[in-house]
PDB file of N, CA and C in Angstrom:
ATOM      1  N   UNK A   1      14.952  60.038  54.705  1.00  0.00           N
ATOM      2  CA  UNK A   1      14.197  58.815  54.894  1.00  0.00           C
ATOM      3  C   UNK A   1      14.789  57.729  54.002  1.00  0.00           C
ATOM      4  N   UNK A   2      15.108  56.606  54.586  1.00  0.00           N
ATOM      5  CA  UNK A   2      15.702  55.501  53.834  1.00  0.00           C
ATOM      6  C   UNK A   2      14.666  54.397  53.655  1.00  0.00           C
ATOM      7  N   UNK A   3      14.508  53.947  52.439  1.00  0.00           N
ATOM      8  CA  UNK A   3      13.560  52.876  52.143  1.00  0.00           C
ATOM      9  C   UNK A   3      14.269  51.533  52.151  1.00  0.00           C
ATOM     10  N   UNK A   4      13.637  50.550  52.751  1.00  0.00           N
ATOM     11  CA  UNK A   4      14.168  49.190  52.725  1.00  0.00           C
ATOM     12  C   UNK A   4      13.745  48.560  51.404  1.00  0.00           C
ATOM     13  N   UNK A   5      14.705  48.267  50.549  1.00  0.00           N
ATOM     14  CA  UNK A   5      14.386  47.742  49.223  1.00  0.00           C
ATOM     15  C   UNK A   5      14.394  46.223  49.162  1.00  0.00           C
ATOM     16  N   UNK A   6      14.534  45.561  50.293  1.00  0.00           N
ATOM     17  CA  UNK A   6      14.514  44.108  50.302  1.00  0.00           C
ATOM     18  C   UNK A   6      13.096  43.574  50.206  1.00  0.00           C
ATOM     19  N   UNK A   7      12.978  42.281  50.063  1.00  0.00           N
ATOM     20  CA  UNK A   7      11.671  41.633  49.989  1.00  0.00           C
ATOM     21  C   UNK A   7      11.098  41.545  51.401  1.00  0.00           C
ATOM     22  N   UNK A   8       9.886  42.000  51.556  1.00  0.00           N
ATOM     23  CA  UNK A   8       9.206  41.956  52.845  1.00  0.00           C
ATOM     24  C   UNK A   8       8.551  40.586  53.024  1.00  0.00           C
ATOM     25  N   UNK A   9       8.360  40.138  54.274  1.00  0.00           N
ATOM     26  CA  UNK A   9       7.770  38.814  54.508  1.00  0.00           C
ATOM     27  C   UNK A   9       6.363  38.643  53.944  1.00  0.00           C
ATOM     28  N   UNK A  10       5.632  39.738  53.772  1.00  0.00           N
ATOM     29  CA  UNK A  10       4.261  39.621  53.290  1.00  0.00           C
ATOM     30  C   UNK A  10       4.147  39.770  51.776  1.00  0.00           C
ATOM     31  N   UNK A  11       5.261  39.854  51.067  1.00  0.00           N
ATOM     32  CA  UNK A  11       5.239  39.998  49.614  1.00  0.00           C
ATOM     33  C   UNK A  11       5.326  38.630  48.949  1.00  0.00           C
ATOM     34  N   UNK A  12       4.692  38.511  47.794  1.00  0.00           N
ATOM     35  CA  UNK A  12       4.762  37.272  47.028  1.00  0.00           C
ATOM     36  C   UNK A  12       5.154  37.583  45.591  1.00  0.00           C
ATOM     37  N   UNK A  13       5.751  36.621  44.947  1.00  0.00           N
ATOM     38  CA  UNK A  13       6.124  36.748  43.545  1.00  0.00           C
ATOM     39  C   UNK A  13       5.073  36.046  42.706  1.00  0.00           C
ATOM     40  N   UNK A  14       4.585  36.731  41.698  1.00  0.00           N
ATOM     41  CA  UNK A  14       3.569  36.156  40.823  1.00  0.00           C
ATOM     42  C   UNK A  14       4.089  36.208  39.394  1.00  0.00           C
ATOM     43  N   UNK A  15       4.663  35.098  38.904  1.00  0.00           N
ATOM     44  CA  UNK A  15       5.138  35.096  37.524  1.00  0.00           C
ATOM     45  C   UNK A  15       3.963  34.989  36.559  1.00  0.00           C
ATOM     46  N   UNK A  16       3.734  36.031  35.806  1.00  0.00           N
ATOM     47  CA  UNK A  16       2.648  36.047  34.822  1.00  0.00           C
ATOM     48  C   UNK A  16       3.241  36.481  33.491  1.00  0.00           C
ATOM     49  N   UNK A  17       3.726  35.530  32.746  1.00  0.00           N
ATOM     50  CA  UNK A  17       4.393  35.832  31.496  1.00  0.00           C
ATOM     51  C   UNK A  17       3.659  35.174  30.336  1.00  0.00           C
ATOM     52  N   UNK A  18       3.567  35.850  29.193  1.00  0.00           N
ATOM     53  CA  UNK A  18       2.965  35.204  28.029  1.00  0.00           C
ATOM     54  C   UNK A  18       3.838  34.033  27.572  1.00  0.00           C
ATOM     55  N   UNK A  19       3.212  32.977  27.106  1.00  0.00           N
ATOM     56  CA  UNK A  19       3.991  31.824  26.665  1.00  0.00           C
ATOM     57  C   UNK A  19       3.240  31.077  25.569  1.00  0.00           C
ATOM     58  N   UNK A  20       3.976  30.333  24.777  1.00  0.00           N
ATOM     59  CA  UNK A  20       3.370  29.505  23.735  1.00  0.00           C
ATOM     60  C   UNK A  20       3.270  28.050  24.177  1.00  0.00           C
ATOM     61  N   UNK A  21       3.936  27.698  25.275  1.00  0.00           N
ATOM     62  CA  UNK A  21       3.914  26.329  25.789  1.00  0.00           C
ATOM     63  C   UNK A  21       3.606  26.369  27.289  1.00  0.00           C
ATOM     64  N   UNK A  22       2.327  26.474  27.664  1.00  0.00           N
ATOM     65  CA  UNK A  22       1.979  26.630  29.078  1.00  0.00           C
ATOM     66  C   UNK A  22       2.447  25.485  29.976  1.00  0.00           C
ATOM     67  N   UNK A  23       2.375  24.257  29.496  1.00  0.00           N
ATOM     68  CA  UNK A  23       2.786  23.125  30.333  1.00  0.00           C
ATOM     69  C   UNK A  23       4.265  23.206  30.682  1.00  0.00           C
ATOM     70  N   UNK A  24       5.094  23.525  29.689  1.00  0.00           N
ATOM     71  CA  UNK A  24       6.528  23.632  29.924  1.00  0.00           C
ATOM     72  C   UNK A  24       6.855  24.828  30.813  1.00  0.00           C
ATOM     73  N   UNK A  25       6.119  25.919  30.637  1.00  0.00           N
ATOM     74  CA  UNK A  25       6.343  27.103  31.466  1.00  0.00           C
ATOM     75  C   UNK A  25       5.989  26.820  32.919  1.00  0.00           C
ATOM     76  N   UNK A  26       4.857  26.143  33.151  1.00  0.00           N
ATOM     77  CA  UNK A  26       4.490  25.778  34.514  1.00  0.00           C
ATOM     78  C   UNK A  26       5.514  24.829  35.127  1.00  0.00           C
ATOM     79  N   UNK A  27       6.006  23.881  34.351  1.00  0.00           N
ATOM     80  CA  UNK A  27       7.024  22.952  34.852  1.00  0.00           C
ATOM     81  C   UNK A  27       8.287  23.704  35.249  1.00  0.00           C
ATOM     82  N   UNK A  28       8.668  24.706  34.473  1.00  0.00           N
ATOM     83  CA  UNK A  28       9.847  25.517  34.779  1.00  0.00           C
ATOM     84  C   UNK A  28       9.680  26.230  36.117  1.00  0.00           C
ATOM     85  N   UNK A  29       8.546  26.917  36.302  1.00  0.00           N
ATOM     86  CA  UNK A  29       8.332  27.667  37.543  1.00  0.00           C
ATOM     87  C   UNK A  29       8.209  26.732  38.735  1.00  0.00           C
ATOM     88  N   UNK A  30       7.585  25.563  38.540  1.00  0.00           N
ATOM     89  CA  UNK A  30       7.497  24.587  39.634  1.00  0.00           C
ATOM     90  C   UNK A  30       8.881  24.074  40.010  1.00  0.00           C
ATOM     91  N   UNK A  31       9.744  23.873  39.014  1.00  0.00           N
ATOM     92  CA  UNK A  31      11.107  23.408  39.288  1.00  0.00           C
ATOM     93  C   UNK A  31      11.888  24.434  40.105  1.00  0.00           C
ATOM     94  N   UNK A  32      11.535  25.707  39.970  1.00  0.00           N
ATOM     95  CA  UNK A  32      12.187  26.761  40.752  1.00  0.00           C
ATOM     96  C   UNK A  32      11.615  26.864  42.160  1.00  0.00           C
ATOM     97  N   UNK A  33      10.563  26.107  42.435  1.00  0.00           N
ATOM     98  CA  UNK A  33       9.991  26.096  43.773  1.00  0.00           C
ATOM     99  C   UNK A  33       8.710  26.890  43.938  1.00  0.00           C
ATOM    100  N   UNK A  34       8.187  27.441  42.852  1.00  0.00           N
ATOM    101  CA  UNK A  34       6.937  28.190  42.941  1.00  0.00           C
ATOM    102  C   UNK A  34       5.760  27.226  42.988  1.00  0.00           C
ATOM    103  N   UNK A  35       4.723  27.619  43.684  1.00  0.00           N
ATOM    104  CA  UNK A  35       3.501  26.824  43.750  1.00  0.00           C
ATOM    105  C   UNK A  35       2.444  27.470  42.867  1.00  0.00           C
ATOM    106  N   UNK A  36       1.735  26.654  42.128  1.00  0.00           N
ATOM    107  CA  UNK A  36       0.654  27.151  41.282  1.00  0.00           C
ATOM    108  C   UNK A  36      -0.609  27.190  42.137  1.00  0.00           C
ATOM    109  N   UNK A  37      -1.186  28.376  42.276  1.00  0.00           N
ATOM    110  CA  UNK A  37      -2.408  28.509  43.069  1.00  0.00           C
ATOM    111  C   UNK A  37      -3.649  28.575  42.195  1.00  0.00           C
ATOM    112  N   UNK A  38      -3.479  28.879  40.915  1.00  0.00           N
ATOM    113  CA  UNK A  38      -4.596  28.916  39.978  1.00  0.00           C
ATOM    114  C   UNK A  38      -4.051  28.642  38.593  1.00  0.00           C
ATOM    115  N   UNK A  39      -4.742  27.811  37.848  1.00  0.00           N
ATOM    116  CA  UNK A  39      -4.306  27.482  36.493  1.00  0.00           C
ATOM    117  C   UNK A  39      -5.504  27.574  35.559  1.00  0.00           C
ATOM    118  N   UNK A  40      -5.468  28.527  34.645  1.00  0.00           N
ATOM    119  CA  UNK A  40      -6.552  28.700  33.668  1.00  0.00           C
ATOM    120  C   UNK A  40      -6.176  27.941  32.411  1.00  0.00           C
ATOM    121  N   UNK A  41      -7.031  27.004  31.998  1.00  0.00           N
ATOM    122  CA  UNK A  41      -6.708  26.186  30.832  1.00  0.00           C
ATOM    123  C   UNK A  41      -7.315  26.716  29.545  1.00  0.00           C
ATOM    124  N   UNK A  42      -8.373  27.526  29.667  1.00  0.00           N
ATOM    125  CA  UNK A  42      -9.003  28.109  28.474  1.00  0.00           C
ATOM    126  C   UNK A  42      -9.375  29.558  28.767  1.00  0.00           C
ATOM    127  N   UNK A  43      -9.365  30.389  27.720  1.00  0.00           N
ATOM    128  CA  UNK A  43      -9.738  31.797  27.947  1.00  0.00           C
ATOM    129  C   UNK A  43     -11.155  31.999  28.406  1.00  0.00           C
TER     130      UNK A  43
END
């Protein structure tokens, strides 16, 4: 059985990385073409 290791059309990438500068991190991911669907500003 061979598994297809490529990205499937129904998969999404969710960058969730710890950061000390959230605004700059969001700007970086937006510049790469990612869309922000939820933004938490306080814990």
